[in-house]
Amino acid sequence: MEGRALHIDLNCDLGESTHERPMPEQEALFPYLTSCNIACGFHGGDPIFIEKAIRLALQHGLRIGAHPSYPDRAYFGRRDMELPADELRAVIRYQVAALSGMVESLGGQLAYVKPHGALYNRMAYEHAVAEPVLEAVLSLGAGLKLMGLAGSPLADWARQAGLDFIPEAFADRRYTADGRLASRSLGRAVIEQPAEAVQQAHAIITGGAIRTLNGAPIRLQARSLCLHGDHPQALQIAQALDEHFSEQGIQKRAL
């Protein structure tokens, strides 16, 4: 990587607050990002907080993505659900179309779709889950991209369907040796310390190896880097990443 300009898109899952479950410090995250994935109401968020997130994203010049999920507000979209293909297709189309309409009504344009939680993880490796999601995204018009797990089969499925795929890696989550995200049910699946998140982000951006949950090294090729807005240290991680990028000459660049 020597002699080559380094850059990365930095995204965050936002707009997930509700009056019953507010997310702390989310407004403070926007200046550190280049893209944001805004909840569509099925795992978190409500019209007030979703609109607020859209307005803040537009104010800060961020690329806006839809962040649809299984209909699972009780478990924040992190529970596996078995939905028939036609129902899953409709669930995704409904969420993305609604968010797209809100973004356009406020003067912006939706750029991509990034599924959330259990749906994100399953469709990365299960074609039967991915296919109706891909069909729903394609039905909503040309230009929408799909963001998903770097190194997963979803990249090929999306391209075969005619979608531009954005491979994504995570600054605040650990991986298993096969490149999957470690389950949150496992200890140490979430990276809690900003310094560790910076170390992992740097390795991903520069093509270095990251340490998986069992210690085995893997390499990930990603165009976008994610941090979770509901992480207790989200703001501290964003600030640490920003400082590190500045020191290392790494540019943050929207896709």
C-alpha atoms as a PDB file:
ATOM      1  CA  MET A   1       0.000   0.000   0.000  1.00  0.00           C
ATOM      2  CA  GLU A   2       3.045   2.279   0.171  1.00  0.00           C
ATOM      3  CA  GLY A   3       2.778   5.336  -2.061  1.00  0.00           C
ATOM      4  CA  ARG A   4      -0.941   4.859  -2.579  1.00  0.00           C
ATOM      5  CA  ALA A   5      -3.481   7.340  -1.218  1.00  0.00           C
ATOM      6  CA  LEU A   6      -5.672   5.682   1.371  1.00  0.00           C
ATOM      7  CA  HIS A   7      -9.335   6.490   1.741  1.00  0.00           C
ATOM      8  CA  ILE A   8     -12.434   4.934   3.271  1.00  0.00           C
ATOM      9  CA  ASP A   9     -16.135   5.606   3.595  1.00  0.00           C
ATOM     10  CA  LEU A  10     -17.161   5.742   7.257  1.00  0.00           C
ATOM     11  CA  ASN A  11     -20.770   4.812   7.929  1.00  0.00           C
ATOM     12  CA  CYS A  12     -22.901   4.430  11.027  1.00  0.00           C
ATOM     13  CA  ASP A  13     -26.322   2.982  11.832  1.00  0.00           C
ATOM     14  CA  LEU A  14     -28.473   5.920  12.937  1.00  0.00           C
ATOM     15  CA  GLY A  15     -32.071   7.037  13.399  1.00  0.00           C
ATOM     16  CA  GLU A  16     -32.700   4.002  15.621  1.00  0.00           C
ATOM     17  CA  SER A  17     -33.930   5.950  18.637  1.00  0.00           C
ATOM     18  CA  THR A  18     -37.476   5.925  19.924  1.00  0.00           C
ATOM     19  CA  HIS A  19     -38.937   7.879  22.807  1.00  0.00           C
ATOM     20  CA  GLU A  20     -38.938   4.640  24.810  1.00  0.00           C
ATOM     21  CA  ARG A  21     -35.389   3.705  23.773  1.00  0.00           C
ATOM     22  CA  PRO A  22     -33.294   6.794  23.015  1.00  0.00           C
ATOM     23  CA  MET A  23     -29.731   6.334  21.771  1.00  0.00           C
ATOM     24  CA  PRO A  24     -27.266   8.662  23.531  1.00  0.00           C
ATOM     25  CA  GLU A  25     -24.961  11.084  21.694  1.00  0.00           C
ATOM     26  CA  GLN A  26     -26.100  10.173  18.176  1.00  0.00           C
ATOM     27  CA  GLU A  27     -26.360  13.782  17.035  1.00  0.00           C
ATOM     28  CA  ALA A  28     -22.672  14.221  17.846  1.00  0.00           C
ATOM     29  CA  LEU A  29     -21.688  11.374  15.490  1.00  0.00           C
ATOM     30  CA  PHE A  30     -22.757  12.998  12.211  1.00  0.00           C
ATOM     31  CA  PRO A  31     -19.736  15.314  11.738  1.00  0.00           C
ATOM     32  CA  TYR A  32     -17.377  12.322  11.802  1.00  0.00           C
ATOM     33  CA  LEU A  33     -19.139  10.318   9.066  1.00  0.00           C
ATOM     34  CA  THR A  34     -19.363  10.267   5.284  1.00  0.00           C
ATOM     35  CA  SER A  35     -22.405   7.961   5.070  1.00  0.00           C
ATOM     36  CA  CYS A  36     -25.200   6.896   7.384  1.00  0.00           C
ATOM     37  CA  ASN A  37     -27.656   4.019   7.433  1.00  0.00           C
ATOM     38  CA  ILE A  38     -31.019   5.255   8.678  1.00  0.00           C
ATOM     39  CA  ALA A  39     -33.454   2.900  10.381  1.00  0.00           C
ATOM     40  CA  CYS A  40     -36.790   2.299   8.685  1.00  0.00           C
ATOM     41  CA  GLY A  41     -38.899   1.695  11.791  1.00  0.00           C
ATOM     42  CA  PHE A  42     -39.027  -2.092  11.829  1.00  0.00           C
ATOM     43  CA  HIS A  43     -36.226  -2.654  14.370  1.00  0.00           C
ATOM     44  CA  GLY A  44     -35.824   0.852  15.758  1.00  0.00           C
ATOM     45  CA  GLY A  45     -36.656   4.432  14.985  1.00  0.00           C
ATOM     46  CA  ASP A  46     -39.949   6.239  14.629  1.00  0.00           C
ATOM     47  CA  PRO A  47     -41.033   9.001  12.237  1.00  0.00           C
ATOM     48  CA  ILE A  48     -39.741  11.805  14.475  1.00  0.00           C
ATOM     49  CA  PHE A  49     -36.264  10.341  15.024  1.00  0.00           C
ATOM     50  CA  ILE A  50     -35.985   9.071  11.449  1.00  0.00           C
ATOM     51  CA  GLU A  51     -36.779  12.516  10.043  1.00  0.00           C
ATOM     52  CA  LYS A  52     -34.354  14.119  12.477  1.00  0.00           C
ATOM     53  CA  ALA A  53     -31.595  11.746  11.317  1.00  0.00           C
ATOM     54  CA  ILE A  54     -32.334  12.528   7.658  1.00  0.00           C
ATOM     55  CA  ARG A  55     -32.162  16.267   8.312  1.00  0.00           C
ATOM     56  CA  LEU A  56     -28.855  15.915  10.144  1.00  0.00           C
ATOM     57  CA  ALA A  57     -27.433  13.718   7.377  1.00  0.00           C
ATOM     58  CA  LEU A  58     -28.369  16.291   4.740  1.00  0.00           C
ATOM     59  CA  GLN A  59     -27.008  19.108   6.890  1.00  0.00           C
ATOM     60  CA  HIS A  60     -23.642  17.357   7.108  1.00  0.00           C
ATOM     61  CA  GLY A  61     -23.572  16.270   3.464  1.00  0.00           C
ATOM     62  CA  LEU A  62     -23.674  12.537   4.143  1.00  0.00           C
ATOM     63  CA  ARG A  63     -24.682   9.807   1.726  1.00  0.00           C
ATOM     64  CA  ILE A  64     -27.897   8.275   3.020  1.00  0.00           C
ATOM     65  CA  GLY A  65     -28.689   4.578   3.028  1.00  0.00           C
ATOM     66  CA  ALA A  66     -31.824   2.738   4.101  1.00  0.00           C
ATOM     67  CA  HIS A  67     -31.354   0.316   7.002  1.00  0.00           C
ATOM     68  CA  PRO A  68     -34.297  -2.122   6.780  1.00  0.00           C
ATOM     69  CA  SER A  69     -34.689  -5.180   8.963  1.00  0.00           C
ATOM     70  CA  TYR A  70     -36.897  -8.051   9.915  1.00  0.00           C
ATOM     71  CA  PRO A  71     -40.114  -6.802  11.606  1.00  0.00           C
ATOM     72  CA  ASP A  72     -38.610  -7.246  15.064  1.00  0.00           C
ATOM     73  CA  ARG A  73     -38.778  -4.200  17.321  1.00  0.00           C
ATOM     74  CA  ALA A  74     -38.866  -6.402  20.432  1.00  0.00           C
ATOM     75  CA  TYR A  75     -35.345  -7.738  19.809  1.00  0.00           C
ATOM     76  CA  PHE A  76     -33.956  -4.788  17.825  1.00  0.00           C
ATOM     77  CA  GLY A  77     -33.819  -6.818  14.624  1.00  0.00           C
ATOM     78  CA  ARG A  78     -31.198  -9.173  15.989  1.00  0.00           C
ATOM     79  CA  ARG A  79     -33.389 -12.291  16.089  1.00  0.00           C
ATOM     80  CA  ASP A  80     -33.581 -14.753  13.185  1.00  0.00           C
ATOM     81  CA  MET A  81     -37.001 -14.872  11.554  1.00  0.00           C
ATOM     82  CA  GLU A  82     -38.335 -17.235   8.910  1.00  0.00           C
ATOM     83  CA  LEU A  83     -40.380 -15.216   6.422  1.00  0.00           C
ATOM     84  CA  PRO A  84     -41.726 -16.489   3.091  1.00  0.00           C
ATOM     85  CA  ALA A  85     -39.928 -14.905   0.141  1.00  0.00           C
ATOM     86  CA  ASP A  86     -42.930 -12.831  -0.925  1.00  0.00           C
ATOM     87  CA  GLU A  87     -43.373 -11.467   2.597  1.00  0.00           C
ATOM     88  CA  LEU A  88     -39.684 -10.619   2.993  1.00  0.00           C
ATOM     89  CA  ARG A  89     -39.683  -8.929  -0.414  1.00  0.00           C
ATOM     90  CA  ALA A  90     -42.684  -6.812   0.582  1.00  0.00           C
ATOM     91  CA  VAL A  91     -41.223  -5.986   4.012  1.00  0.00           C
ATOM     92  CA  ILE A  92     -38.023  -4.664   2.423  1.00  0.00           C
ATOM     93  CA  ARG A  93     -39.788  -2.812  -0.388  1.00  0.00           C
ATOM     94  CA  TYR A  94     -42.105  -1.120   2.118  1.00  0.00           C
ATOM     95  CA  GLN A  95     -39.285   0.052   4.407  1.00  0.00           C
ATOM     96  CA  VAL A  96     -36.934   1.280   1.695  1.00  0.00           C
ATOM     97  CA  ALA A  97     -39.669   3.016  -0.290  1.00  0.00           C
ATOM     98  CA  ALA A  98     -40.887   4.821   2.821  1.00  0.00           C
ATOM     99  CA  LEU A  99     -37.421   6.045   3.744  1.00  0.00           C
ATOM    100  CA  SER A 100     -36.669   7.024   0.164  1.00  0.00           C
ATOM    101  CA  GLY A 101     -39.836   9.092   0.085  1.00  0.00           C
ATOM    102  CA  MET A 102     -38.921  10.867   3.301  1.00  0.00           C
ATOM    103  CA  VAL A 103     -35.397  11.605   2.060  1.00  0.00           C
ATOM    104  CA  GLU A 104     -36.690  12.990  -1.239  1.00  0.00           C
ATOM    105  CA  SER A 105     -39.322  15.122   0.497  1.00  0.00           C
ATOM    106  CA  LEU A 106     -36.517  16.788   2.454  1.00  0.00           C
ATOM    107  CA  GLY A 107     -34.418  17.477  -0.628  1.00  0.00           C
ATOM    108  CA  GLY A 108     -32.105  14.475  -0.692  1.00  0.00           C
ATOM    109  CA  GLN A 109     -31.798  11.173  -2.515  1.00  0.00           C
ATOM    110  CA  LEU A 110     -31.369   7.663  -1.186  1.00  0.00           C
ATOM    111  CA  ALA A 111     -28.050   6.165  -2.318  1.00  0.00           C
ATOM    112  CA  TYR A 112     -27.959   2.587  -1.051  1.00  0.00           C
ATOM    113  CA  VAL A 113     -29.565  -0.103   1.091  1.00  0.00           C
ATOM    114  CA  LYS A 114     -27.866  -1.840   3.990  1.00  0.00           C
ATOM    115  CA  PRO A 115     -29.984  -4.472   5.779  1.00  0.00           C
ATOM    116  CA  HIS A 116     -29.766  -4.669   9.555  1.00  0.00           C
ATOM    117  CA  GLY A 117     -28.919  -7.247  12.190  1.00  0.00           C
ATOM    118  CA  ALA A 118     -29.995 -10.852  11.717  1.00  0.00           C
ATOM    119  CA  LEU A 119     -31.173 -10.170   8.163  1.00  0.00           C
ATOM    120  CA  TYR A 120     -27.776  -8.677   7.253  1.00  0.00           C
ATOM    121  CA  ASN A 121     -25.928 -11.724   8.553  1.00  0.00           C
ATOM    122  CA  ARG A 122     -28.228 -14.320   6.996  1.00  0.00           C
ATOM    123  CA  MET A 123     -28.441 -12.827   3.530  1.00  0.00           C
ATOM    124  CA  ALA A 124     -24.640 -12.623   3.369  1.00  0.00           C
ATOM    125  CA  TYR A 125     -24.505 -16.431   3.149  1.00  0.00           C
ATOM    126  CA  GLU A 126     -28.035 -17.711   2.394  1.00  0.00           C
ATOM    127  CA  HIS A 127     -29.160 -17.159  -1.185  1.00  0.00           C
ATOM    128  CA  ALA A 128     -32.780 -17.952  -0.360  1.00  0.00           C
ATOM    129  CA  VAL A 129     -32.779 -15.004   2.070  1.00  0.00           C
ATOM    130  CA  ALA A 130     -30.734 -12.697  -0.147  1.00  0.00           C
ATOM    131  CA  GLU A 131     -32.768 -13.166  -3.327  1.00  0.00           C
ATOM    132  CA  PRO A 132     -36.037 -11.492  -2.255  1.00  0.00           C
ATOM    133  CA  VAL A 133     -34.069  -8.607  -0.732  1.00  0.00           C
ATOM    134  CA  LEU A 134     -32.162  -8.111  -3.980  1.00  0.00           C
ATOM    135  CA  GLU A 135     -35.411  -8.231  -5.936  1.00  0.00           C
ATOM    136  CA  ALA A 136     -36.983  -5.631  -3.663  1.00  0.00           C
ATOM    137  CA  VAL A 137     -34.032  -3.251  -4.015  1.00  0.00           C
ATOM    138  CA  LEU A 138     -33.984  -3.645  -7.800  1.00  0.00           C
ATOM    139  CA  SER A 139     -37.719  -2.950  -8.009  1.00  0.00           C
ATOM    140  CA  LEU A 140     -37.236   0.479  -6.442  1.00  0.00           C
ATOM    141  CA  GLY A 141     -35.361   1.978  -9.373  1.00  0.00           C
ATOM    142  CA  ALA A 142     -31.939   2.252 -10.914  1.00  0.00           C
ATOM    143  CA  GLY A 143     -29.097   3.721  -8.944  1.00  0.00           C
ATOM    144  CA  LEU A 144     -29.615   2.111  -5.542  1.00  0.00           C
ATOM    145  CA  LYS A 145     -26.572   0.205  -4.331  1.00  0.00           C
ATOM    146  CA  LEU A 146     -26.424  -2.620  -1.806  1.00  0.00           C
ATOM    147  CA  MET A 147     -24.055  -2.601   1.166  1.00  0.00           C
ATOM    148  CA  GLY A 148     -23.148  -5.908   2.763  1.00  0.00           C
ATOM    149  CA  LEU A 149     -20.519  -8.047   4.426  1.00  0.00           C
ATOM    150  CA  ALA A 150     -17.116  -7.905   2.743  1.00  0.00           C
ATOM    151  CA  GLY A 151     -15.879 -11.263   1.486  1.00  0.00           C
ATOM    152  CA  SER A 152     -19.291 -12.936   1.600  1.00  0.00           C
ATOM    153  CA  PRO A 153     -21.125 -14.695  -1.276  1.00  0.00           C
ATOM    154  CA  LEU A 154     -23.607 -11.812  -1.279  1.00  0.00           C
ATOM    155  CA  ALA A 155     -21.144  -9.762  -3.328  1.00  0.00           C
ATOM    156  CA  ASP A 156     -21.465 -12.143  -6.300  1.00  0.00           C
ATOM    157  CA  TRP A 157     -25.226 -12.554  -5.906  1.00  0.00           C
ATOM    158  CA  ALA A 158     -25.733  -8.790  -5.929  1.00  0.00           C
ATOM    159  CA  ARG A 159     -23.572  -8.260  -8.995  1.00  0.00           C
ATOM    160  CA  GLN A 160     -25.278 -11.111 -10.844  1.00  0.00           C
ATOM    161  CA  ALA A 161     -28.595  -9.412 -10.092  1.00  0.00           C
ATOM    162  CA  GLY A 162     -27.289  -6.140 -11.519  1.00  0.00           C
ATOM    163  CA  LEU A 163     -26.652  -4.259  -8.274  1.00  0.00           C
ATOM    164  CA  ASP A 164     -23.512  -2.325  -7.416  1.00  0.00           C
ATOM    165  CA  PHE A 165     -22.233  -3.952  -4.218  1.00  0.00           C
ATOM    166  CA  ILE A 166     -20.438  -2.025  -1.461  1.00  0.00           C
ATOM    167  CA  PRO A 167     -18.290  -4.386   0.635  1.00  0.00           C
ATOM    168  CA  GLU A 168     -18.356  -3.335   4.267  1.00  0.00           C
ATOM    169  CA  ALA A 169     -16.215  -4.163   7.292  1.00  0.00           C
ATOM    170  CA  PHE A 170     -16.635  -3.264  10.951  1.00  0.00           C
ATOM    171  CA  ALA A 171     -14.436  -1.262  13.279  1.00  0.00           C
ATOM    172  CA  ASP A 172     -16.300  -2.300  16.419  1.00  0.00           C
ATOM    173  CA  ARG A 173     -17.047  -5.995  15.847  1.00  0.00           C
ATOM    174  CA  ARG A 174     -14.819  -9.058  15.907  1.00  0.00           C
ATOM    175  CA  TYR A 175     -14.837 -11.742  13.245  1.00  0.00           C
ATOM    176  CA  THR A 176     -14.600 -15.509  13.136  1.00  0.00           C
ATOM    177  CA  ALA A 177     -11.842 -17.249  11.188  1.00  0.00           C
ATOM    178  CA  ASP A 178     -14.138 -17.734   8.150  1.00  0.00           C
ATOM    179  CA  GLY A 179     -14.783 -13.995   7.853  1.00  0.00           C
ATOM    180  CA  ARG A 180     -18.213 -13.895   9.470  1.00  0.00           C
ATOM    181  CA  LEU A 181     -19.163 -11.481  12.204  1.00  0.00           C
ATOM    182  CA  ALA A 182     -18.830 -13.129  15.595  1.00  0.00           C
ATOM    183  CA  SER A 183     -22.210 -13.683  17.228  1.00  0.00           C
ATOM    184  CA  ARG A 184     -23.107 -11.148  19.885  1.00  0.00           C
ATOM    185  CA  SER A 185     -23.888 -14.114  22.151  1.00  0.00           C
ATOM    186  CA  LEU A 186     -20.156 -14.814  22.333  1.00  0.00           C
ATOM    187  CA  GLY A 187     -17.879 -12.999  24.712  1.00  0.00           C
ATOM    188  CA  ARG A 188     -15.681 -10.291  23.174  1.00  0.00           C
ATOM    189  CA  ALA A 189     -17.765 -10.153  19.967  1.00  0.00           C
ATOM    190  CA  VAL A 190     -18.063  -6.385  20.375  1.00  0.00           C
ATOM    191  CA  ILE A 191     -14.883  -4.292  20.459  1.00  0.00           C
ATOM    192  CA  GLU A 192     -15.331  -1.960  23.391  1.00  0.00           C
ATOM    193  CA  GLN A 193     -12.117   0.050  23.525  1.00  0.00           C
ATOM    194  CA  PRO A 194     -11.566   2.867  20.987  1.00  0.00           C
ATOM    195  CA  ALA A 195      -7.869   1.991  20.635  1.00  0.00           C
ATOM    196  CA  GLU A 196      -8.725  -1.572  19.583  1.00  0.00           C
ATOM    197  CA  ALA A 197     -11.310  -0.315  17.106  1.00  0.00           C
ATOM    198  CA  VAL A 198      -8.709   2.023  15.604  1.00  0.00           C
ATOM    199  CA  GLN A 199      -6.210  -0.824  15.325  1.00  0.00           C
ATOM    200  CA  GLN A 200      -8.712  -3.026  13.502  1.00  0.00           C
ATOM    201  CA  ALA A 201      -9.850  -0.192  11.218  1.00  0.00           C
ATOM    202  CA  HIS A 202      -6.258   0.617  10.281  1.00  0.00           C
ATOM    203  CA  ALA A 203      -5.533  -2.989   9.370  1.00  0.00           C
ATOM    204  CA  ILE A 204      -8.634  -3.213   7.199  1.00  0.00           C
ATOM    205  CA  ILE A 205      -7.911   0.025   5.357  1.00  0.00           C
ATOM    206  CA  THR A 206      -4.240  -0.752   4.729  1.00  0.00           C
ATOM    207  CA  GLY A 207      -4.780  -4.377   3.711  1.00  0.00           C
ATOM    208  CA  GLY A 208      -3.271  -5.817   6.855  1.00  0.00           C
ATOM    209  CA  ALA A 209      -4.485  -8.801   8.849  1.00  0.00           C
ATOM    210  CA  ILE A 210      -6.942  -8.514  11.696  1.00  0.00           C
ATOM    211  CA  ARG A 211      -7.122 -10.926  14.587  1.00  0.00           C
ATOM    212  CA  THR A 212     -10.292 -12.996  14.735  1.00  0.00           C
ATOM    213  CA  LEU A 213     -12.041 -14.165  17.881  1.00  0.00           C
ATOM    214  CA  ASN A 214      -9.903 -17.311  18.029  1.00  0.00           C
ATOM    215  CA  GLY A 215      -6.715 -15.450  17.117  1.00  0.00           C
ATOM    216  CA  ALA A 216      -6.436 -16.549  13.485  1.00  0.00           C
ATOM    217  CA  PRO A 217      -5.526 -13.694  11.116  1.00  0.00           C
ATOM    218  CA  ILE A 218      -7.742 -12.761   8.176  1.00  0.00           C
ATOM    219  CA  ARG A 219      -7.724  -9.946   5.625  1.00  0.00           C
ATOM    220  CA  LEU A 220     -10.775  -8.026   4.480  1.00  0.00           C
ATOM    221  CA  GLN A 221     -11.226  -5.849   1.407  1.00  0.00           C
ATOM    222  CA  ALA A 222     -13.805  -3.192   2.152  1.00  0.00           C
ATOM    223  CA  ARG A 223     -14.927   0.088   0.617  1.00  0.00           C
ATOM    224  CA  SER A 224     -16.855   1.188   3.688  1.00  0.00           C
ATOM    225  CA  LEU A 225     -16.189   0.915   7.407  1.00  0.00           C
ATOM    226  CA  CYS A 226     -19.031   0.759   9.940  1.00  0.00           C
ATOM    227  CA  LEU A 227     -19.426   1.662  13.558  1.00  0.00           C
ATOM    228  CA  HIS A 228     -22.666   1.065  15.451  1.00  0.00           C
ATOM    229  CA  GLY A 229     -24.646   4.043  16.663  1.00  0.00           C
ATOM    230  CA  ASP A 230     -25.958   2.074  19.659  1.00  0.00           C
ATOM    231  CA  HIS A 231     -22.428   1.236  20.845  1.00  0.00           C
ATOM    232  CA  PRO A 232     -21.858   2.812  24.289  1.00  0.00           C
ATOM    233  CA  GLN A 233     -18.497   4.137  23.082  1.00  0.00           C
ATOM    234  CA  ALA A 234     -19.631   5.130  19.578  1.00  0.00           C
ATOM    235  CA  LEU A 235     -18.678   8.802  19.910  1.00  0.00           C
ATOM    236  CA  GLN A 236     -15.312   8.001  21.471  1.00  0.00           C
ATOM    237  CA  ILE A 237     -14.564   5.495  18.698  1.00  0.00           C
ATOM    238  CA  ALA A 238     -15.575   8.016  16.021  1.00  0.00           C
ATOM    239  CA  GLN A 239     -13.316  10.641  17.558  1.00  0.00           C
ATOM    240  CA  ALA A 240     -10.406   8.208  17.866  1.00  0.00           C
ATOM    241  CA  LEU A 241     -10.821   7.119  14.238  1.00  0.00           C
ATOM    242  CA  ASP A 242     -10.936  10.740  13.096  1.00  0.00           C
ATOM    243  CA  GLU A 243      -7.728  11.563  14.941  1.00  0.00           C
ATOM    244  CA  HIS A 244      -5.993   8.457  13.605  1.00  0.00           C
ATOM    245  CA  PHE A 245      -7.070   9.110  10.024  1.00  0.00           C
ATOM    246  CA  SER A 246      -5.735  12.644  10.248  1.00  0.00           C
ATOM    247  CA  GLU A 247      -2.391  11.462  11.632  1.00  0.00           C
ATOM    248  CA  GLN A 248      -2.028   8.710   9.005  1.00  0.00           C
ATOM    249  CA  GLY A 249      -3.232  10.702   5.989  1.00  0.00           C
ATOM    250  CA  ILE A 250      -6.278   8.493   5.493  1.00  0.00           C
ATOM    251  CA  GLN A 251      -9.076  10.363   3.754  1.00  0.00           C
ATOM    252  CA  LYS A 252     -12.727   9.843   4.572  1.00  0.00           C
ATOM    253  CA  ARG A 253     -14.615   9.748   1.311  1.00  0.00           C
ATOM    254  CA  ALA A 254     -18.278   9.062   0.609  1.00  0.00           C
ATOM    255  CA  LEU A 255     -19.063   6.359  -1.926  1.00  0.00           C
END
